[in-house]
Amino acid sequence: MRQTLADNVIWITGASSGIGRALAVEAARRGATLILSGRNETALHETAALCAEHRLSGAPRLHADAILPFDLAAPNVRRQAAQKALGIFGRIDILVLNAGVSQRARFAETSPKVFDLIMETNFGSAVDLTRAVLPQMLERRSGMIVCISSVAGLMGAPLRTAYSASKHALMGFFGSLRAELYGSDVQVSMVYPGFVHTMISENALSGDGARHGELDPLQRAGQKPTETAHIVWNKLEAGALDIRVAFDFKARLGVFLARHFPKLFVRSISRHGGL
């Protein structure tokens, strides 16, 4: 049975830019009520303005308290933010775990602090926010948890040990949770974007925590976030559990080789520094 976003309360993390912003605007266009989170409050207000511009006629305007900036990497802060999010409208129908930080450094050159920061931001925060919103979804026997992963969650790549580890951890966690929730009417969906034109590689962390500052060529030529968001929401509304989007030939080939021909894959991917 197809589900629509109209009248659903959707909490989106990482909503200040990229895929998260595009998901928010597309959800507003379909009539959803939104809670927007990220670290950059100014950028969140910009997203909110875009949502207001594109919102479905008759849909509620964004509540003043529904812009909820916080740092995902801080456990106590994110747990407090989750309780505040639950109190804004009294429920969360759809949780979209989109926020994350990437990496561009060899493991041997990445400080433990940076490695742990990436794991906390990408994986630890997803576990905590899910733990916070799941009880009310189970009580109502209704809800959806959406985790935005990456092609790096399906294969390893050089210079991304922490990032890929966090995305693989998400796949394992939510795959197990999905099985535990079978029959509860709470949907758990994983989204694996390939190459989307966002700032994630520019904002990636170097080994010492500095901003990478360069846009990967494959991302520069990647799919527009607006197109990605349109596809993702269509598939989620149709009940899809695993979604691969913006997968070009290189992404599909990489995942295939990593699974079936690991020696060929590692030789190929190490040659040009990663997909």
C-alpha atoms as a PDB file:
ATOM      1  CA  MET A   1       0.000   0.000   0.000  1.00  0.00           C
ATOM      2  CA  ARG A   2       1.420   3.361  -1.014  1.00  0.00           C
ATOM      3  CA  GLN A   3       2.040   5.925   1.738  1.00  0.00           C
ATOM      4  CA  THR A   4       2.008   9.683   1.157  1.00  0.00           C
ATOM      5  CA  LEU A   5       3.994  12.295   3.053  1.00  0.00           C
ATOM      6  CA  ALA A   6       1.054  14.657   3.564  1.00  0.00           C
ATOM      7  CA  ASP A   7       0.356  15.342   7.260  1.00  0.00           C
ATOM      8  CA  ASN A   8       3.411  13.357   8.397  1.00  0.00           C
ATOM      9  CA  VAL A   9       5.854  14.922  10.852  1.00  0.00           C
ATOM     10  CA  ILE A  10       9.326  14.391   9.388  1.00  0.00           C
ATOM     11  CA  TRP A  11      12.555  15.097  11.261  1.00  0.00           C
ATOM     12  CA  ILE A  12      15.527  15.475   8.916  1.00  0.00           C
ATOM     13  CA  THR A  13      19.121  15.745  10.147  1.00  0.00           C
ATOM     14  CA  GLY A  14      21.745  17.346   7.940  1.00  0.00           C
ATOM     15  CA  ALA A  15      19.011  19.546   6.460  1.00  0.00           C
ATOM     16  CA  SER A  16      21.227  22.599   5.967  1.00  0.00           C
ATOM     17  CA  SER A  17      22.541  21.589   2.538  1.00  0.00           C
ATOM     18  CA  GLY A  18      22.920  18.888  -0.085  1.00  0.00           C
ATOM     19  CA  ILE A  19      20.693  15.833  -0.044  1.00  0.00           C
ATOM     20  CA  GLY A  20      19.174  16.776   3.322  1.00  0.00           C
ATOM     21  CA  ARG A  21      18.032  20.178   2.092  1.00  0.00           C
ATOM     22  CA  ALA A  22      16.652  18.656  -1.101  1.00  0.00           C
ATOM     23  CA  LEU A  23      14.754  15.992   0.870  1.00  0.00           C
ATOM     24  CA  ALA A  24      13.251  18.702   3.065  1.00  0.00           C
ATOM     25  CA  VAL A  25      12.094  20.857   0.159  1.00  0.00           C
ATOM     26  CA  GLU A  26      10.612  17.870  -1.678  1.00  0.00           C
ATOM     27  CA  ALA A  27       8.830  16.719   1.492  1.00  0.00           C
ATOM     28  CA  ALA A  28       7.380  20.207   1.950  1.00  0.00           C
ATOM     29  CA  ARG A  29       6.169  20.129  -1.636  1.00  0.00           C
ATOM     30  CA  ARG A  30       4.322  16.898  -0.791  1.00  0.00           C
ATOM     31  CA  GLY A  31       2.626  18.365   2.278  1.00  0.00           C
ATOM     32  CA  ALA A  32       4.790  17.149   5.155  1.00  0.00           C
ATOM     33  CA  THR A  33       5.328  18.932   8.457  1.00  0.00           C
ATOM     34  CA  LEU A  34       9.061  19.333   9.041  1.00  0.00           C
ATOM     35  CA  ILE A  35      11.650  19.519  11.781  1.00  0.00           C
ATOM     36  CA  LEU A  36      15.019  20.611  10.394  1.00  0.00           C
ATOM     37  CA  SER A  37      18.331  19.901  12.096  1.00  0.00           C
ATOM     38  CA  GLY A  38      22.006  20.548  11.409  1.00  0.00           C
ATOM     39  CA  ARG A  39      24.868  22.495  12.939  1.00  0.00           C
ATOM     40  CA  ASN A  40      24.481  25.664  10.832  1.00  0.00           C
ATOM     41  CA  GLU A  41      21.425  27.554  12.072  1.00  0.00           C
ATOM     42  CA  THR A  42      21.644  30.197   9.340  1.00  0.00           C
ATOM     43  CA  ALA A  43      21.665  27.515   6.654  1.00  0.00           C
ATOM     44  CA  LEU A  44      18.701  25.791   8.322  1.00  0.00           C
ATOM     45  CA  HIS A  45      16.719  29.023   8.071  1.00  0.00           C
ATOM     46  CA  GLU A  46      17.622  29.142   4.382  1.00  0.00           C
ATOM     47  CA  THR A  47      16.288  25.597   3.984  1.00  0.00           C
ATOM     48  CA  ALA A  48      13.138  26.595   5.847  1.00  0.00           C
ATOM     49  CA  ALA A  49      12.613  29.511   3.449  1.00  0.00           C
ATOM     50  CA  LEU A  50      12.924  27.162   0.472  1.00  0.00           C
ATOM     51  CA  CYS A  51      10.453  24.768   2.087  1.00  0.00           C
ATOM     52  CA  ALA A  52       7.977  27.614   2.602  1.00  0.00           C
ATOM     53  CA  GLU A  53       8.376  28.631  -1.027  1.00  0.00           C
ATOM     54  CA  HIS A  54       7.667  25.119  -2.313  1.00  0.00           C
ATOM     55  CA  ARG A  55       5.213  23.824   0.294  1.00  0.00           C
ATOM     56  CA  LEU A  56       1.996  22.222  -0.827  1.00  0.00           C
ATOM     57  CA  SER A  57      -0.906  24.652  -0.888  1.00  0.00           C
ATOM     58  CA  GLY A  58      -2.793  24.363   2.375  1.00  0.00           C
ATOM     59  CA  ALA A  59       0.023  22.557   4.174  1.00  0.00           C
ATOM     60  CA  PRO A  60       1.042  23.948   7.576  1.00  0.00           C
ATOM     61  CA  ARG A  61       3.830  26.499   7.737  1.00  0.00           C
ATOM     62  CA  LEU A  62       7.073  25.542   9.437  1.00  0.00           C
ATOM     63  CA  HIS A  63       6.726  25.918  13.197  1.00  0.00           C
ATOM     64  CA  ALA A  64       9.168  28.392  14.753  1.00  0.00           C
ATOM     65  CA  ASP A  65      10.511  25.693  17.074  1.00  0.00           C
ATOM     66  CA  ALA A  66      10.991  23.239  14.208  1.00  0.00           C
ATOM     67  CA  ILE A  67      14.431  24.611  13.336  1.00  0.00           C
ATOM     68  CA  LEU A  68      16.548  22.598  15.737  1.00  0.00           C
ATOM     69  CA  PRO A  69      20.313  23.141  15.376  1.00  0.00           C
ATOM     70  CA  PHE A  70      22.704  20.915  17.327  1.00  0.00           C
ATOM     71  CA  ASP A  71      25.988  19.032  17.067  1.00  0.00           C
ATOM     72  CA  LEU A  72      25.387  15.357  16.289  1.00  0.00           C
ATOM     73  CA  ALA A  73      28.859  14.394  17.485  1.00  0.00           C
ATOM     74  CA  ALA A  74      28.058  15.319  21.100  1.00  0.00           C
ATOM     75  CA  PRO A  75      26.111  12.446  22.749  1.00  0.00           C
ATOM     76  CA  ASN A  76      24.441  14.469  25.522  1.00  0.00           C
ATOM     77  CA  VAL A  77      23.530  17.293  23.141  1.00  0.00           C
ATOM     78  CA  ARG A  78      21.934  14.985  20.563  1.00  0.00           C
ATOM     79  CA  ARG A  79      19.942  13.112  23.198  1.00  0.00           C
ATOM     80  CA  GLN A  80      18.554  16.383  24.520  1.00  0.00           C
ATOM     81  CA  ALA A  81      17.773  17.481  20.950  1.00  0.00           C
ATOM     82  CA  ALA A  82      15.851  14.258  20.353  1.00  0.00           C
ATOM     83  CA  GLN A  83      13.628  14.869  23.363  1.00  0.00           C
ATOM     84  CA  LYS A  84      13.000  18.431  22.197  1.00  0.00           C
ATOM     85  CA  ALA A  85      12.157  17.202  18.688  1.00  0.00           C
ATOM     86  CA  LEU A  86       9.619  14.743  20.101  1.00  0.00           C
ATOM     87  CA  GLY A  87       7.950  17.542  22.027  1.00  0.00           C
ATOM     88  CA  ILE A  88       7.490  20.008  19.164  1.00  0.00           C
ATOM     89  CA  PHE A  89       4.516  18.260  17.566  1.00  0.00           C
ATOM     90  CA  GLY A  90       4.045  15.409  20.032  1.00  0.00           C
ATOM     91  CA  ARG A  91       5.284  12.769  17.601  1.00  0.00           C
ATOM     92  CA  ILE A  92       7.706  11.997  14.788  1.00  0.00           C
ATOM     93  CA  ASP A  93       6.283   9.942  11.951  1.00  0.00           C
ATOM     94  CA  ILE A  94       9.417   9.748   9.817  1.00  0.00           C
ATOM     95  CA  LEU A  95      13.001  10.108  11.021  1.00  0.00           C
ATOM     96  CA  VAL A  96      15.509  10.815   8.241  1.00  0.00           C
ATOM     97  CA  LEU A  97      19.088  10.238   9.398  1.00  0.00           C
ATOM     98  CA  ASN A  98      20.936  12.124   6.708  1.00  0.00           C
ATOM     99  CA  ALA A  99      23.681  14.083   8.497  1.00  0.00           C
ATOM    100  CA  GLY A 100      27.240  12.849   8.186  1.00  0.00           C
ATOM    101  CA  VAL A 101      30.849  13.754   7.601  1.00  0.00           C
ATOM    102  CA  SER A 102      33.261  12.125   5.176  1.00  0.00           C
ATOM    103  CA  GLN A 103      37.023  11.597   5.246  1.00  0.00           C
ATOM    104  CA  ARG A 104      39.989  12.062   2.925  1.00  0.00           C
ATOM    105  CA  ALA A 105      43.037  10.636   4.687  1.00  0.00           C
ATOM    106  CA  ARG A 106      44.916   7.366   5.051  1.00  0.00           C
ATOM    107  CA  PHE A 107      44.148   5.424   8.206  1.00  0.00           C
ATOM    108  CA  ALA A 108      47.788   5.656   9.388  1.00  0.00           C
ATOM    109  CA  GLU A 109      47.601   9.447   9.086  1.00  0.00           C
ATOM    110  CA  THR A 110      44.185   9.859  10.755  1.00  0.00           C
ATOM    111  CA  SER A 111      44.244  10.779  14.432  1.00  0.00           C
ATOM    112  CA  PRO A 112      42.123   8.667  16.800  1.00  0.00           C
ATOM    113  CA  LYS A 113      40.177  11.821  17.675  1.00  0.00           C
ATOM    114  CA  VAL A 114      39.169  12.408  14.039  1.00  0.00           C
ATOM    115  CA  PHE A 115      38.348   8.729  13.516  1.00  0.00           C
ATOM    116  CA  ASP A 116      36.108   8.694  16.597  1.00  0.00           C
ATOM    117  CA  LEU A 117      34.466  11.980  15.573  1.00  0.00           C
ATOM    118  CA  ILE A 118      33.427  10.490  12.230  1.00  0.00           C
ATOM    119  CA  MET A 119      32.086   7.334  13.882  1.00  0.00           C
ATOM    120  CA  GLU A 120      30.142   9.353  16.466  1.00  0.00           C
ATOM    121  CA  THR A 121      28.676  11.705  13.867  1.00  0.00           C
ATOM    122  CA  ASN A 122      27.701   9.064  11.332  1.00  0.00           C
ATOM    123  CA  PHE A 123      26.921   5.997  13.429  1.00  0.00           C
ATOM    124  CA  GLY A 124      26.624   6.791  17.134  1.00  0.00           C
ATOM    125  CA  SER A 125      24.180   9.628  16.508  1.00  0.00           C
ATOM    126  CA  ALA A 126      21.948   7.432  14.324  1.00  0.00           C
ATOM    127  CA  VAL A 127      21.724   4.854  17.099  1.00  0.00           C
ATOM    128  CA  ASP A 128      20.885   7.467  19.743  1.00  0.00           C
ATOM    129  CA  LEU A 129      18.219   9.254  17.699  1.00  0.00           C
ATOM    130  CA  THR A 130      16.645   5.954  16.719  1.00  0.00           C
ATOM    131  CA  ARG A 131      16.593   4.871  20.362  1.00  0.00           C
ATOM    132  CA  ALA A 132      14.806   8.121  21.215  1.00  0.00           C
ATOM    133  CA  VAL A 133      12.050   8.053  18.584  1.00  0.00           C
ATOM    134  CA  LEU A 134      11.408   4.320  18.270  1.00  0.00           C
ATOM    135  CA  PRO A 135       9.292   3.802  21.442  1.00  0.00           C
ATOM    136  CA  GLN A 136       6.567   6.217  20.330  1.00  0.00           C
ATOM    137  CA  MET A 137       6.535   4.673  16.848  1.00  0.00           C
ATOM    138  CA  LEU A 138       6.098   1.206  18.357  1.00  0.00           C
ATOM    139  CA  GLU A 139       3.370   2.453  20.659  1.00  0.00           C
ATOM    140  CA  ARG A 140       1.450   3.920  17.711  1.00  0.00           C
ATOM    141  CA  ARG A 141       2.352   0.952  15.474  1.00  0.00           C
ATOM    142  CA  SER A 142       3.312   3.408  12.782  1.00  0.00           C
ATOM    143  CA  GLY A 143       6.467   5.137  11.605  1.00  0.00           C
ATOM    144  CA  MET A 144       9.425   5.130   9.295  1.00  0.00           C
ATOM    145  CA  ILE A 145      13.163   5.361   9.969  1.00  0.00           C
ATOM    146  CA  VAL A 146      15.243   6.312   6.935  1.00  0.00           C
ATOM    147  CA  CYS A 147      19.021   6.088   7.011  1.00  0.00           C
ATOM    148  CA  ILE A 148      20.948   7.841   4.256  1.00  0.00           C
ATOM    149  CA  SER A 149      24.073   5.742   3.813  1.00  0.00           C
ATOM    150  CA  SER A 150      26.459   5.787   0.833  1.00  0.00           C
ATOM    151  CA  VAL A 151      28.039   3.626  -1.822  1.00  0.00           C
ATOM    152  CA  ALA A 152      30.861   3.510   0.765  1.00  0.00           C
ATOM    153  CA  GLY A 153      28.503   1.451   2.921  1.00  0.00           C
ATOM    154  CA  LEU A 154      28.555  -1.274   0.278  1.00  0.00           C
ATOM    155  CA  MET A 155      32.291  -1.386  -0.399  1.00  0.00           C
ATOM    156  CA  GLY A 156      35.527  -0.082   1.034  1.00  0.00           C
ATOM    157  CA  ALA A 157      37.586   2.690  -0.558  1.00  0.00           C
ATOM    158  CA  PRO A 158      40.979   4.228   0.198  1.00  0.00           C
ATOM    159  CA  LEU A 159      41.159   7.431   2.253  1.00  0.00           C
ATOM    160  CA  ARG A 160      37.763   6.660   3.793  1.00  0.00           C
ATOM    161  CA  THR A 161      38.404   4.041   6.489  1.00  0.00           C
ATOM    162  CA  ALA A 162      36.369   5.771   9.202  1.00  0.00           C
ATOM    163  CA  TYR A 163      33.661   6.937   6.803  1.00  0.00           C
ATOM    164  CA  SER A 164      33.232   3.529   5.199  1.00  0.00           C
ATOM    165  CA  ALA A 165      33.335   1.815   8.597  1.00  0.00           C
ATOM    166  CA  SER A 166      30.546   4.069   9.865  1.00  0.00           C
ATOM    167  CA  LYS A 167      28.401   3.395   6.798  1.00  0.00           C
ATOM    168  CA  HIS A 168      28.937  -0.367   7.007  1.00  0.00           C
ATOM    169  CA  ALA A 169      28.006  -0.182  10.697  1.00  0.00           C
ATOM    170  CA  LEU A 170      24.760   1.551   9.757  1.00  0.00           C
ATOM    171  CA  MET A 171      23.908  -1.226   7.321  1.00  0.00           C
ATOM    172  CA  GLY A 172      24.490  -3.869   9.987  1.00  0.00           C
ATOM    173  CA  PHE A 173      22.589  -2.011  12.680  1.00  0.00           C
ATOM    174  CA  PHE A 174      19.526  -1.107  10.641  1.00  0.00           C
ATOM    175  CA  GLY A 175      19.449  -4.475   8.895  1.00  0.00           C
ATOM    176  CA  SER A 176      19.256  -6.162  12.285  1.00  0.00           C
ATOM    177  CA  LEU A 177      16.742  -3.637  13.610  1.00  0.00           C
ATOM    178  CA  ARG A 178      14.539  -4.147  10.549  1.00  0.00           C
ATOM    179  CA  ALA A 179      14.342  -7.867  11.319  1.00  0.00           C
ATOM    180  CA  GLU A 180      13.515  -7.174  14.977  1.00  0.00           C
ATOM    181  CA  LEU A 181      10.712  -4.810  13.962  1.00  0.00           C
ATOM    182  CA  TYR A 182       9.072  -7.177  11.490  1.00  0.00           C
ATOM    183  CA  GLY A 183       5.310  -7.060  11.993  1.00  0.00           C
ATOM    184  CA  SER A 184       5.401  -3.815  13.988  1.00  0.00           C
ATOM    185  CA  ASP A 185       4.382  -1.577  11.056  1.00  0.00           C
ATOM    186  CA  VAL A 186       7.526   0.495  11.578  1.00  0.00           C
ATOM    187  CA  GLN A 187       9.440   0.679   8.308  1.00  0.00           C
ATOM    188  CA  VAL A 188      13.251   0.799   8.283  1.00  0.00           C
ATOM    189  CA  SER A 189      14.737   1.878   4.960  1.00  0.00           C
ATOM    190  CA  MET A 190      18.335   2.288   3.819  1.00  0.00           C
ATOM    191  CA  VAL A 191      19.300   4.699   1.047  1.00  0.00           C
ATOM    192  CA  TYR A 192      22.636   4.275  -0.734  1.00  0.00           C
ATOM    193  CA  PRO A 193      23.472   7.350  -2.817  1.00  0.00           C
ATOM    194  CA  GLY A 194      26.202   6.973  -5.389  1.00  0.00           C
ATOM    195  CA  PHE A 195      27.516  10.200  -6.882  1.00  0.00           C
ATOM    196  CA  VAL A 196      25.454  13.266  -6.025  1.00  0.00           C
ATOM    197  CA  HIS A 197      26.626  16.848  -6.543  1.00  0.00           C
ATOM    198  CA  THR A 198      26.995  17.959  -2.913  1.00  0.00           C
ATOM    199  CA  MET A 199      29.691  19.505  -0.733  1.00  0.00           C
ATOM    200  CA  ILE A 200      30.436  16.319   1.216  1.00  0.00           C
ATOM    201  CA  SER A 201      33.917  15.816  -0.250  1.00  0.00           C
ATOM    202  CA  GLU A 202      34.824  19.488   0.251  1.00  0.00           C
ATOM    203  CA  ASN A 203      33.702  19.265   3.878  1.00  0.00           C
ATOM    204  CA  ALA A 204      35.437  15.911   4.440  1.00  0.00           C
ATOM    205  CA  LEU A 205      38.005  15.724   7.228  1.00  0.00           C
ATOM    206  CA  SER A 206      41.724  15.284   6.721  1.00  0.00           C
ATOM    207  CA  GLY A 207      43.737  13.207   9.156  1.00  0.00           C
ATOM    208  CA  ASP A 208      44.238  16.134  11.525  1.00  0.00           C
ATOM    209  CA  GLY A 209      40.628  17.286  11.326  1.00  0.00           C
ATOM    210  CA  ALA A 210      41.170  20.045   8.794  1.00  0.00           C
ATOM    211  CA  ARG A 211      38.614  20.552   6.025  1.00  0.00           C
ATOM    212  CA  HIS A 212      39.580  18.725   2.828  1.00  0.00           C
ATOM    213  CA  GLY A 213      38.413  21.624   0.672  1.00  0.00           C
ATOM    214  CA  GLU A 214      38.227  19.851  -2.694  1.00  0.00           C
ATOM    215  CA  LEU A 215      35.262  18.586  -4.672  1.00  0.00           C
ATOM    216  CA  ASP A 216      35.715  15.070  -6.033  1.00  0.00           C
ATOM    217  CA  PRO A 217      35.428  14.916  -9.846  1.00  0.00           C
ATOM    218  CA  LEU A 218      32.767  12.200  -9.714  1.00  0.00           C
ATOM    219  CA  GLN A 219      30.687  14.329  -7.382  1.00  0.00           C
ATOM    220  CA  ARG A 220      31.137  17.382  -9.558  1.00  0.00           C
ATOM    221  CA  ALA A 221      29.529  15.433 -12.379  1.00  0.00           C
ATOM    222  CA  GLY A 222      27.013  13.760 -10.074  1.00  0.00           C
ATOM    223  CA  GLN A 223      23.249  13.794  -9.925  1.00  0.00           C
ATOM    224  CA  LYS A 224      21.495  16.943  -8.732  1.00  0.00           C
ATOM    225  CA  PRO A 225      20.278  16.638  -5.118  1.00  0.00           C
ATOM    226  CA  THR A 226      16.770  17.689  -6.187  1.00  0.00           C
ATOM    227  CA  GLU A 227      16.570  14.711  -8.535  1.00  0.00           C
ATOM    228  CA  THR A 228      17.947  12.417  -5.831  1.00  0.00           C
ATOM    229  CA  ALA A 229      15.332  13.613  -3.340  1.00  0.00           C
ATOM    230  CA  HIS A 230      12.488  13.126  -5.821  1.00  0.00           C
ATOM    231  CA  ILE A 231      13.549   9.543  -6.515  1.00  0.00           C
ATOM    232  CA  VAL A 232      14.120   8.708  -2.850  1.00  0.00           C
ATOM    233  CA  TRP A 233      10.731   9.974  -1.658  1.00  0.00           C
ATOM    234  CA  ASN A 234       8.949   8.198  -4.519  1.00  0.00           C
ATOM    235  CA  LYS A 235      10.551   4.919  -3.521  1.00  0.00           C
ATOM    236  CA  LEU A 236       9.971   5.443   0.197  1.00  0.00           C
ATOM    237  CA  GLU A 237       6.318   6.240  -0.373  1.00  0.00           C
ATOM    238  CA  ALA A 238       6.094   2.969  -2.325  1.00  0.00           C
ATOM    239  CA  GLY A 239       7.533   1.074   0.664  1.00  0.00           C
ATOM    240  CA  ALA A 240      11.053   0.362  -0.625  1.00  0.00           C
ATOM    241  CA  LEU A 241      13.471  -0.875   2.035  1.00  0.00           C
ATOM    242  CA  ASP A 242      16.793  -0.646   0.162  1.00  0.00           C
ATOM    243  CA  ILE A 243      17.270   2.181  -2.311  1.00  0.00           C
ATOM    244  CA  ARG A 244      20.257   2.763  -4.567  1.00  0.00           C
ATOM    245  CA  VAL A 245      20.171   6.140  -6.224  1.00  0.00           C
ATOM    246  CA  ALA A 246      22.617   8.066  -8.450  1.00  0.00           C
ATOM    247  CA  PHE A 247      24.434   4.817  -9.175  1.00  0.00           C
ATOM    248  CA  ASP A 248      26.335   5.238 -12.417  1.00  0.00           C
ATOM    249  CA  PHE A 249      28.306   2.467 -14.119  1.00  0.00           C
ATOM    250  CA  LYS A 250      31.393   3.018 -11.948  1.00  0.00           C
ATOM    251  CA  ALA A 251      29.403   2.719  -8.733  1.00  0.00           C
ATOM    252  CA  ARG A 252      27.610  -0.426  -9.886  1.00  0.00           C
ATOM    253  CA  LEU A 253      30.843  -1.961 -11.121  1.00  0.00           C
ATOM    254  CA  GLY A 254      32.668  -1.141  -7.899  1.00  0.00           C
ATOM    255  CA  VAL A 255      30.039  -2.790  -5.710  1.00  0.00           C
ATOM    256  CA  PHE A 256      29.922  -5.839  -7.994  1.00  0.00           C
ATOM    257  CA  LEU A 257      33.693  -6.304  -8.039  1.00  0.00           C
ATOM    258  CA  ALA A 258      34.028  -5.735  -4.287  1.00  0.00           C
ATOM    259  CA  ARG A 259      31.566  -8.539  -3.633  1.00  0.00           C
ATOM    260  CA  HIS A 260      32.521 -11.077  -6.280  1.00  0.00           C
ATOM    261  CA  PHE A 261      36.135 -10.289  -7.305  1.00  0.00           C
ATOM    262  CA  PRO A 262      37.819  -8.635  -4.304  1.00  0.00           C
ATOM    263  CA  LYS A 263      41.381  -8.965  -5.637  1.00  0.00           C
ATOM    264  CA  LEU A 264      40.469  -7.266  -8.898  1.00  0.00           C
ATOM    265  CA  PHE A 265      38.507  -4.617  -7.013  1.00  0.00           C
ATOM    266  CA  VAL A 266      41.284  -3.649  -4.619  1.00  0.00           C
ATOM    267  CA  ARG A 267      43.845  -3.481  -7.427  1.00  0.00           C
ATOM    268  CA  SER A 268      41.545  -1.274  -9.488  1.00  0.00           C
ATOM    269  CA  ILE A 269      40.377   1.078  -6.769  1.00  0.00           C
ATOM    270  CA  SER A 270      43.794   1.561  -5.216  1.00  0.00           C
ATOM    271  CA  ARG A 271      45.144   2.633  -8.599  1.00  0.00           C
ATOM    272  CA  HIS A 272      43.094   5.797  -8.813  1.00  0.00           C
ATOM    273  CA  GLY A 273      42.474   6.632  -5.162  1.00  0.00           C
ATOM    274  CA  GLY A 274      38.848   5.589  -4.850  1.00  0.00           C
ATOM    275  CA  LEU A 275      35.498   5.886  -6.575  1.00  0.00           C
END
